Amino acid sequence: GPAPACVLGIDLGTTSVKAALLVGTEPGQVVAGSCSRETQAHTASLEAGPQGVEQNVWRIIRALNECLAALPQEQLQRVSHIGISGQMHGIVFWKKDKGCKWTECGTGPTFEPEEVSHLITWQDGRCSPTFLSSLPLPQSHISLSTGFGCATVYWYLKKSPDFLKSYDAAGTIHDYVVAMLCDLKKPLMSIQNAASWGYFNSRNKSWNTDILQKSGFPVHLLPEVGDPGSIAGRTVCAWHGIPKGAKVGIALGDFQCSVYSCLTERTDAVLNISTSAQLTVSMPLGFQPPETPDPSSAVTYFPYFNGDYLAVAASLNGGNVLATFVDMVARWTEELGLQVQESAIYAKIIKAALSQNDSKLSVHPTIFGERHIPQQLASVTNIAASDLSLGHVTRALCRGIVENLCSMLPVQRLLEMGVRRILGSGSALTRNEVLRQEVERIFPFPVVYGKDVDAAVGAAMVM
């Protein structure tokens, strides 16, 4: 018979783009091919200065094109559905009629960004606590934070209003890709992404339009909202060999897709450590989040699939903390007149930490703050002369990352929620044995590890 149809899953992450091809077989779907490319997209923010965290969309799309070009052509030609996930909270602006231009490349037609802003990411810090407190109170179960799409729009409205006049559409980076593939006249956004922007009521699935309009917010920039798992449209062109007319799902949250790729039992908790870190548990069927958030609570309720919610301890401090530590070591080394590649430093500090089973050093690693306590930064205590080796410091740093997450959703609460097992996922966790050792030391549950393409696989599985 004819070869089975394929489903393509794409994840547009903070540091890389990942793609996975799933093929249906008798026992179920299997990953027939996968690819990952670093975006190297970080760029300076002209308006927000050092507090701004932005990425060049052209580089993200270039990494996406490189990823697809590396997948087997004969399988791409059999793709019937495309599922796309990406980093939540962030926002990109574009001109509806000039969002991209389609060109020919070696593997067929593809698109390149045209009149598109930088992506202002979830890590963006331009909205200070004082600025956020000056904004109208949202009617939402999620507290507003810097890096949230609507907060960023308010910042431009007050600090650089001319910027907004250049664009008539906005969405997350993955909403943008869906809109370009399907030539959507108005962007379409899933409930998952809408909730992550702020000013969205998950109970009635609508934006806080009245509240926003009263304060002069440009509500025409808000996308339409649909259910996760629904179809946004069809590809308007053949794309890297993928047939024209392939169904494209509404863009999904990367975190929800990572969870979807591995969560099978309600008694499982999922621990994800990539750039940031999350610990999550399924809420019981029929659960509804409170009407108003508790700003001091470390646990947030994320919309999942089919009306379900996840209880999530979402930490801003994960693999990015280790990356910052490696960067610091590289800079010190350079100041001493030596040159060492960051990849080599990473390998050496992990090796040093593996030979150092314990450390009295205590590292509280919150250099990026946390949404529920943005003013609290990192600290190191219990410093003894005997614990100053790279191995001691790296071991303590890895332990601190896991302990910080555990403090947000403690073991006792996990036990009360019926958790019996932890599923570990995310690039930082899969590549770092020291982190895995600390997870197993701190949590009294069996731990099972997943793959590095979890969100891409999850996005494909949803389709």
Protein backbone atom coordinates (compact mmCIF):
# COMPACT_ATOMS: atom_id res chain seq x y z
CA GLY A 1 0.00 0.00 0.00
CA PRO A 2 0.97 3.70 -0.08
CA ALA A 3 3.52 4.97 2.43
CA PRO A 4 1.83 6.29 5.62
CA ALA A 5 1.28 10.04 6.04
CA CYS A 6 3.68 11.95 8.32
CA VAL A 7 3.05 14.63 10.92
CA LEU A 8 5.65 17.38 11.34
CA GLY A 9 6.21 18.88 14.80
CA ILE A 10 8.16 22.14 15.18
CA ASP A 11 9.29 23.86 18.37
CA LEU A 12 10.61 27.44 18.20
CA GLY A 13 12.61 27.63 21.42
CA THR A 14 14.57 30.30 23.26
CA THR A 15 17.93 29.12 21.92
CA SER A 16 17.12 26.59 19.19
CA VAL A 17 14.56 25.38 16.67
CA LYS A 18 13.66 21.69 16.78
CA ALA A 19 11.69 19.61 14.31
CA ALA A 20 10.42 16.04 14.54
CA LEU A 21 8.66 13.82 11.96
CA LEU A 22 6.15 11.33 13.34
CA VAL A 23 4.88 8.36 11.34
CA GLY A 24 1.91 6.23 12.36
CA THR A 25 2.70 2.53 12.83
CA GLU A 26 0.76 -0.43 14.22
CA PRO A 27 1.90 0.11 17.86
CA GLY A 28 1.48 3.93 17.60
CA GLN A 29 3.39 6.97 16.39
CA VAL A 30 7.17 6.78 16.11
CA VAL A 31 9.73 9.52 15.51
CA ALA A 32 11.03 8.91 11.98
CA GLY A 33 13.47 11.83 11.99
CA SER A 34 14.40 14.87 14.03
CA CYS A 35 16.68 17.87 13.76
CA SER A 36 17.79 20.80 15.91
CA ARG A 37 19.51 24.08 14.98
CA GLU A 38 20.69 26.86 17.28
CA THR A 39 19.14 30.21 16.38
CA GLN A 40 21.93 32.50 17.67
CA ALA A 41 19.23 35.17 17.44
CA HIS A 42 19.85 37.33 20.53
CA THR A 43 20.24 40.98 19.60
CA ALA A 44 20.47 44.36 21.35
CA SER A 45 17.29 46.25 22.22
CA LEU A 46 17.41 49.81 20.86
CA GLU A 47 14.40 51.01 22.86
CA ALA A 48 14.80 49.16 26.18
CA GLY A 49 18.59 49.04 26.51
CA PRO A 50 20.15 46.39 28.79
CA GLN A 51 16.76 45.49 30.35
CA GLY A 52 15.40 44.43 26.96
CA VAL A 53 15.78 40.85 25.74
CA GLU A 54 15.10 40.59 22.02
CA GLN A 55 15.75 38.14 19.21
CA ASN A 56 16.17 38.61 15.47
CA VAL A 57 13.19 36.90 13.78
CA TRP A 58 15.09 36.54 10.48
CA ARG A 59 17.69 34.35 12.25
CA ILE A 60 14.98 32.24 13.92
CA ILE A 61 13.34 31.57 10.53
CA ARG A 62 16.76 30.83 9.01
CA ALA A 63 17.31 28.16 11.70
CA LEU A 64 13.82 26.79 10.97
CA ASN A 65 14.63 26.56 7.25
CA GLU A 66 17.95 24.83 7.99
CA CYS A 67 16.13 22.35 10.24
CA LEU A 68 13.57 21.43 7.58
CA ALA A 69 16.20 21.23 4.82
CA ALA A 70 18.02 18.61 6.93
CA LEU A 71 14.98 16.31 7.23
CA PRO A 72 14.37 13.51 4.69
CA GLN A 73 12.67 14.97 1.60
CA GLU A 74 10.66 11.85 0.80
CA GLN A 75 9.06 12.01 4.28
CA LEU A 76 8.39 15.78 4.12
CA GLN A 77 6.49 15.14 0.87
CA ARG A 78 4.13 12.88 2.86
CA VAL A 79 3.38 15.45 5.61
CA SER A 80 -0.38 15.93 6.02
CA HIS A 81 -0.41 17.90 9.30
CA ILE A 82 1.96 20.40 10.96
CA GLY A 83 1.96 21.12 14.71
CA ILE A 84 3.91 24.14 15.96
CA SER A 85 4.88 25.13 19.50
CA GLY A 86 7.12 27.83 20.90
CA GLN A 87 8.14 30.00 23.82
CA MET A 88 5.12 31.55 25.50
CA HIS A 89 4.69 35.11 26.83
CA GLY A 90 6.87 36.74 24.12
CA ILE A 91 5.57 38.99 21.33
CA VAL A 92 6.47 39.86 17.74
CA PHE A 93 4.79 42.55 15.59
CA TRP A 94 4.32 42.53 11.80
CA LYS A 95 2.51 44.16 8.88
CA LYS A 96 -0.37 41.89 7.79
CA ASP A 97 0.18 42.33 4.05
CA LYS A 98 3.99 42.33 4.31
CA GLY A 99 4.76 39.78 7.02
CA CYS A 100 6.93 37.68 4.73
CA LYS A 101 7.98 37.02 1.16
CA TRP A 102 8.04 33.57 -0.42
CA THR A 103 11.23 32.58 -2.27
CA GLU A 104 12.73 29.46 -3.83
CA CYS A 105 15.45 27.52 -2.02
CA GLY A 106 17.11 24.16 -2.66
CA THR A 107 14.22 22.20 -1.13
CA GLY A 108 11.38 24.22 -2.70
CA PRO A 109 9.45 27.36 -1.71
CA THR A 110 10.07 28.92 1.70
CA PHE A 111 9.29 32.24 3.36
CA GLU A 112 11.51 34.96 4.79
CA PRO A 113 10.39 37.66 7.26
CA GLU A 114 9.75 41.06 5.70
CA GLU A 115 8.18 43.89 7.75
CA VAL A 116 8.56 42.20 11.14
CA SER A 117 9.82 43.53 14.48
CA HIS A 118 12.29 41.78 16.75
CA LEU A 119 10.81 39.12 19.03
CA ILE A 120 10.59 40.55 22.56
CA THR A 121 11.04 37.34 24.57
CA TRP A 122 9.61 36.04 27.83
CA GLN A 123 12.96 36.91 29.45
CA ASP A 124 12.51 40.62 28.68
CA GLY A 125 12.92 42.80 31.78
CA ARG A 126 11.83 46.25 30.57
CA CYS A 127 8.59 46.29 32.64
CA SER A 128 9.70 47.08 36.19
CA PRO A 129 7.46 46.25 39.20
CA THR A 130 6.67 50.01 39.42
CA PHE A 131 5.65 50.10 35.75
CA LEU A 132 3.49 46.96 36.10
CA SER A 133 1.74 48.41 39.17
CA SER A 134 0.76 51.47 37.08
CA LEU A 135 -1.22 49.27 34.63
CA PRO A 136 -4.92 48.41 35.00
CA LEU A 137 -5.65 45.26 36.99
CA PRO A 138 -6.31 42.29 34.65
CA GLN A 139 -9.37 40.07 34.97
CA SER A 140 -7.30 36.89 34.84
CA HIS A 141 -6.16 34.07 37.08
CA ILE A 142 -2.52 34.77 36.12
CA SER A 143 -0.53 37.68 37.60
CA LEU A 144 0.94 40.08 35.03
CA SER A 145 4.74 39.96 34.68
CA THR A 146 7.45 41.57 32.61
CA GLY A 147 7.96 39.65 29.35
CA PHE A 148 4.20 39.07 28.95
CA GLY A 149 2.94 40.18 25.52
CA CYS A 150 0.29 42.65 26.77
CA ALA A 151 2.71 44.20 29.30
CA THR A 152 5.21 44.76 26.47
CA VAL A 153 2.53 46.46 24.33
CA TYR A 154 1.73 48.79 27.26
CA TRP A 155 5.45 49.60 27.57
CA TYR A 156 5.62 50.63 23.90
CA LEU A 157 2.35 52.57 24.25
CA LYS A 158 3.85 54.66 27.07
CA LYS A 159 7.55 54.82 26.12
CA SER A 160 7.67 54.54 22.32
CA PRO A 161 4.15 54.89 20.80
CA ASP A 162 5.46 55.50 17.26
CA PHE A 163 6.86 51.95 17.24
CA LEU A 164 3.33 50.49 17.41
CA LYS A 165 2.11 52.62 14.47
CA SER A 166 4.37 50.63 12.12
CA TYR A 167 2.48 47.35 12.66
CA ASP A 168 -1.08 46.03 12.49
CA ALA A 169 -0.65 42.44 13.73
CA ALA A 170 1.02 40.71 16.68
CA GLY A 171 1.44 37.25 18.16
CA THR A 172 3.99 34.90 19.65
CA ILE A 173 6.82 33.79 17.34
CA HIS A 174 4.96 30.53 16.64
CA ASP A 175 1.69 32.39 15.95
CA TYR A 176 3.65 34.39 13.38
CA VAL A 177 4.89 31.22 11.62
CA VAL A 178 1.35 29.76 11.52
CA ALA A 179 -0.01 33.05 10.12
CA MET A 180 2.65 33.10 7.37
CA LEU A 181 2.19 29.43 6.40
CA CYS A 182 -1.61 29.82 6.15
CA ASP A 183 -1.67 33.47 5.00
CA LEU A 184 -4.06 34.34 7.84
CA LYS A 185 -5.57 37.81 7.47
CA LYS A 186 -5.82 38.05 11.28
CA PRO A 187 -3.48 36.11 13.59
CA LEU A 188 -5.02 33.19 15.48
CA MET A 189 -3.77 32.28 18.95
CA SER A 190 -4.46 29.31 21.24
CA ILE A 191 -5.90 29.77 24.73
CA GLN A 192 -2.52 28.55 26.02
CA ASN A 193 -0.63 31.45 24.42
CA ALA A 194 -3.38 34.01 25.15
CA ALA A 195 -3.28 33.20 28.88
CA SER A 196 0.50 33.67 28.80
CA TRP A 197 0.13 37.25 27.50
CA GLY A 198 -1.97 38.53 30.42
CA TYR A 199 -5.37 40.28 30.26
CA PHE A 200 -7.06 37.05 29.16
CA ASN A 201 -9.92 35.35 30.99
CA SER A 202 -9.47 31.59 30.61
CA ARG A 203 -12.95 30.83 31.97
CA ASN A 204 -14.82 32.67 29.22
CA LYS A 205 -11.95 32.41 26.70
CA SER A 206 -11.81 36.12 25.95
CA TRP A 207 -9.50 39.13 26.19
CA ASN A 208 -10.22 41.80 28.84
CA THR A 209 -11.26 44.09 25.96
CA ASP A 210 -13.21 46.62 28.11
CA ILE A 211 -10.35 47.04 30.60
CA LEU A 212 -7.80 47.37 27.79
CA GLN A 213 -9.83 49.82 25.68
CA LYS A 214 -10.41 52.16 28.63
CA SER A 215 -6.65 52.59 29.03
CA GLY A 216 -5.99 53.22 25.32
CA PHE A 217 -4.51 49.78 24.59
CA PRO A 218 -4.42 49.04 20.80
CA VAL A 219 -6.89 46.12 20.95
CA HIS A 220 -6.74 45.71 17.14
CA LEU A 221 -3.34 44.04 17.72
CA LEU A 222 -4.88 41.22 19.80
CA PRO A 223 -5.18 37.94 17.87
CA GLU A 224 -8.37 35.92 17.62
CA VAL A 225 -8.36 32.99 20.05
CA GLY A 226 -9.09 29.30 19.45
CA ASP A 227 -8.85 25.97 21.25
CA PRO A 228 -5.51 24.15 21.38
CA GLY A 229 -5.61 21.18 19.04
CA SER A 230 -7.79 22.94 16.44
CA ILE A 231 -6.71 23.63 12.85
CA ALA A 232 -5.63 27.22 12.06
CA GLY A 233 -5.55 26.75 8.29
CA ARG A 234 -3.69 25.07 5.44
CA THR A 235 -0.31 25.78 3.87
CA VAL A 236 -0.75 28.25 0.98
CA CYS A 237 2.44 27.03 -0.74
CA ALA A 238 4.47 23.86 -0.93
CA TRP A 239 7.02 24.40 1.86
CA HIS A 240 10.37 22.59 1.76
CA GLY A 241 8.59 19.82 -0.16
CA ILE A 242 5.63 19.68 2.24
CA PRO A 243 2.55 19.68 -0.02
CA LYS A 244 0.42 22.79 -0.45
CA GLY A 245 -2.78 22.35 1.53
CA ALA A 246 -1.23 20.52 4.52
CA LYS A 247 -3.25 21.23 7.69
CA VAL A 248 -1.55 23.53 10.23
CA GLY A 249 -2.60 23.44 13.88
CA ILE A 250 -3.11 26.55 15.99
CA ALA A 251 0.23 27.39 17.67
CA LEU A 252 0.71 25.82 21.11
CA GLY A 253 2.70 26.54 24.26
CA ASP A 254 6.07 24.77 24.26
CA PHE A 255 5.63 23.80 27.90
CA GLN A 256 2.22 22.19 27.35
CA CYS A 257 3.63 20.28 24.37
CA SER A 258 6.63 19.04 26.38
CA VAL A 259 4.20 17.77 29.02
CA TYR A 260 1.88 16.24 26.38
CA SER A 261 4.75 14.27 24.85
CA CYS A 262 5.40 12.34 28.06
CA LEU A 263 2.50 12.67 30.53
CA THR A 264 0.35 9.55 30.49
CA GLU A 265 -0.75 9.16 34.13
CA ARG A 266 -2.32 11.79 36.40
CA THR A 267 -0.03 10.48 39.13
CA ASP A 268 3.05 11.67 37.16
CA ALA A 269 4.75 15.03 37.73
CA VAL A 270 6.81 16.50 34.88
CA LEU A 271 10.10 18.24 35.61
CA ASN A 272 11.41 20.24 32.66
CA ILE A 273 14.76 22.05 32.73
CA SER A 274 15.66 23.87 29.51
CA THR A 275 16.51 27.57 29.42
CA SER A 276 14.06 28.02 32.32
CA ALA A 277 12.61 25.28 34.54
CA GLN A 278 9.15 23.98 35.38
CA LEU A 279 7.66 21.39 37.70
CA THR A 280 4.08 20.48 36.89
CA VAL A 281 1.19 18.25 37.94
CA SER A 282 -2.22 17.67 36.28
CA MET A 283 -5.15 19.17 38.15
CA PRO A 284 -8.26 16.99 38.66
CA LEU A 285 -10.86 16.90 35.87
CA GLY A 286 -13.22 19.87 36.03
CA PHE A 287 -10.77 22.05 37.99
CA GLN A 288 -11.21 25.81 37.44
CA PRO A 289 -8.54 28.29 38.53
CA PRO A 290 -9.42 31.02 41.04
CA GLU A 291 -10.95 34.24 39.65
CA THR A 292 -7.99 36.30 40.83
CA PRO A 293 -4.34 35.30 41.24
CA ASP A 294 -2.30 35.24 44.42
CA PRO A 295 0.72 37.35 43.35
CA SER A 296 2.89 35.80 46.06
CA SER A 297 2.12 32.19 45.02
CA ALA A 298 4.88 30.31 43.22
CA VAL A 299 2.32 28.03 41.51
CA THR A 300 0.38 29.13 38.39
CA TYR A 301 -2.41 27.25 36.59
CA PHE A 302 -1.70 26.87 32.86
CA PRO A 303 -4.48 25.97 30.39
CA TYR A 304 -3.69 22.52 28.96
CA PHE A 305 -5.83 20.53 26.47
CA ASN A 306 -9.55 19.66 26.47
CA GLY A 307 -10.32 22.23 29.18
CA ASP A 308 -7.81 20.75 31.65
CA TYR A 309 -5.28 22.72 33.70
CA LEU A 310 -1.75 22.09 34.90
CA ALA A 311 -0.43 23.31 38.26
CA VAL A 312 2.99 24.71 37.39
CA ALA A 313 5.93 25.98 39.39
CA ALA A 314 7.48 27.99 36.55
CA SER A 315 10.97 29.14 37.48
CA LEU A 316 12.84 31.77 35.47
CA ASN A 317 16.08 30.07 36.54
CA GLY A 318 17.14 26.86 34.80
CA GLY A 319 19.75 26.14 32.15
CA ASN A 320 20.16 29.90 31.69
CA VAL A 321 21.81 30.05 35.14
CA LEU A 322 24.40 27.45 34.12
CA ALA A 323 24.92 29.28 30.79
CA THR A 324 25.56 32.52 32.71
CA PHE A 325 28.03 30.74 35.01
CA VAL A 326 29.89 29.32 31.99
CA ASP A 327 29.92 32.77 30.40
CA MET A 328 31.37 34.24 33.61
CA VAL A 329 34.15 31.61 33.71
CA ALA A 330 34.90 32.30 30.02
CA ARG A 331 35.16 36.06 30.66
CA TRP A 332 37.43 35.59 33.67
CA THR A 333 39.63 33.27 31.63
CA GLU A 334 39.79 35.84 28.84
CA GLU A 335 40.72 38.59 31.30
CA LEU A 336 43.60 36.38 32.43
CA GLY A 337 44.83 36.31 28.84
CA LEU A 338 43.58 32.81 27.91
CA GLN A 339 41.01 31.64 25.37
CA VAL A 340 38.73 28.67 26.13
CA GLN A 341 35.60 27.74 24.15
CA GLU A 342 32.42 27.85 26.24
CA SER A 343 31.54 24.30 25.13
CA ALA A 344 34.87 23.11 26.55
CA ILE A 345 34.23 24.94 29.83
CA TYR A 346 30.79 23.34 30.11
CA ALA A 347 32.20 19.83 29.63
CA LYS A 348 34.99 20.45 32.18
CA ILE A 349 32.78 21.90 34.93
CA ILE A 350 30.33 18.96 34.61
CA LYS A 351 33.23 16.50 34.80
CA ALA A 352 34.61 18.34 37.86
CA ALA A 353 31.20 18.27 39.57
CA LEU A 354 30.77 14.54 38.88
CA SER A 355 33.99 13.86 40.78
CA GLN A 356 32.71 15.99 43.69
CA ASN A 357 29.83 14.08 45.21
CA ASP A 358 28.87 16.68 47.77
CA SER A 359 29.41 20.32 48.75
CA LYS A 360 28.59 22.32 51.89
CA LEU A 361 28.34 25.39 49.66
CA SER A 362 24.79 26.68 49.31
CA VAL A 363 23.80 28.49 46.10
CA HIS A 364 20.44 30.23 45.76
CA PRO A 365 20.54 30.57 41.97
CA THR A 366 17.77 33.13 41.26
CA ILE A 367 19.90 35.58 39.24
CA PHE A 368 16.88 36.26 37.01
CA GLY A 369 14.49 36.75 39.95
CA GLU A 370 11.19 34.88 40.02
CA ARG A 371 7.78 36.11 38.88
CA HIS A 372 6.34 35.84 42.41
CA ILE A 373 9.39 37.56 43.98
CA PRO A 374 11.05 39.62 41.19
CA GLN A 375 13.23 41.61 43.60
CA GLN A 376 14.95 38.52 45.08
CA LEU A 377 18.26 37.83 43.33
CA ALA A 378 20.90 35.13 43.81
CA SER A 379 23.13 34.48 46.79
CA VAL A 380 25.88 32.11 47.88
CA THR A 381 26.23 31.14 51.55
CA ASN A 382 28.12 28.64 53.69
CA ILE A 383 31.37 29.46 51.89
CA ALA A 384 34.31 27.51 53.27
CA ALA A 385 37.89 27.48 51.94
CA SER A 386 37.56 23.72 51.34
CA ASP A 387 34.57 24.14 48.96
CA LEU A 388 35.89 26.59 46.37
CA SER A 389 36.88 24.22 43.55
CA LEU A 390 35.01 24.31 40.22
CA GLY A 391 33.57 20.91 41.12
CA HIS A 392 32.16 22.16 44.45
CA VAL A 393 30.70 25.33 42.93
CA THR A 394 29.13 23.54 39.94
CA ARG A 395 27.69 20.79 42.15
CA ALA A 396 26.18 23.41 44.50
CA LEU A 397 24.84 25.43 41.57
CA CYS A 398 23.08 22.40 40.02
CA ARG A 399 21.64 21.46 43.41
CA GLY A 400 20.45 25.05 43.91
CA ILE A 401 18.54 25.03 40.61
CA VAL A 402 16.66 21.87 41.62
CA GLU A 403 16.14 23.00 45.25
CA ASN A 404 14.71 26.32 44.07
CA LEU A 405 12.14 24.49 41.93
CA CYS A 406 11.35 22.13 44.82
CA SER A 407 10.79 25.12 47.16
CA MET A 408 8.14 26.41 44.72
CA LEU A 409 6.20 23.13 44.61
CA PRO A 410 7.39 21.17 47.68
CA VAL A 411 7.59 17.39 47.98
CA GLN A 412 4.84 17.37 50.64
CA ARG A 413 2.41 19.06 48.23
CA LEU A 414 3.35 16.63 45.45
CA LEU A 415 2.56 13.73 47.80
CA GLU A 416 -0.79 15.32 48.72
CA MET A 417 -1.59 15.63 44.99
CA GLY A 418 -0.98 11.89 44.56
CA VAL A 419 2.31 12.08 42.63
CA ARG A 420 4.10 8.71 42.34
CA ARG A 421 6.69 9.34 39.63
CA ILE A 422 8.66 12.19 38.02
CA LEU A 423 9.18 12.46 34.27
CA GLY A 424 12.31 14.50 33.47
CA SER A 425 12.65 16.42 30.21
CA GLY A 426 14.38 19.42 28.65
CA SER A 427 17.76 20.03 27.06
CA ALA A 428 19.57 21.14 30.25
CA LEU A 429 18.43 18.03 32.13
CA THR A 430 19.10 15.52 29.35
CA ARG A 431 22.65 16.86 28.81
CA ASN A 432 23.71 17.33 32.44
CA GLU A 433 24.27 14.27 34.61
CA VAL A 434 24.92 16.40 37.72
CA LEU A 435 21.46 17.97 37.46
CA ARG A 436 19.94 14.49 37.09
CA GLN A 437 21.79 13.29 40.21
CA GLU A 438 20.46 16.24 42.18
CA VAL A 439 16.89 15.63 40.98
CA GLU A 440 17.16 12.04 42.23
CA ARG A 441 18.70 13.17 45.52
CA ILE A 442 16.03 15.80 46.28
CA PHE A 443 12.80 14.13 45.08
CA PRO A 444 11.70 10.84 46.77
CA PHE A 445 10.11 9.46 43.58
CA PRO A 446 11.34 7.27 40.72
CA VAL A 447 12.57 9.51 37.86
CA VAL A 448 12.23 8.65 34.15
CA TYR A 449 13.96 10.83 31.52
CA GLY A 450 12.63 11.85 28.11
CA LYS A 451 14.24 13.23 24.97
CA ASP A 452 15.52 16.64 23.90
CA VAL A 453 12.85 17.12 21.20
CA ASP A 454 9.90 16.79 23.59
CA ALA A 455 8.00 19.98 22.64
CA ALA A 456 8.36 19.30 18.89
CA VAL A 457 7.18 15.70 19.38
CA GLY A 458 4.29 16.91 21.59
CA ALA A 459 3.22 19.46 18.97
CA ALA A 460 3.10 16.66 16.37
CA MET A 461 1.25 14.28 18.72
CA VAL A 462 -1.52 16.84 19.33
CA MET A 463 -2.22 16.84 15.57
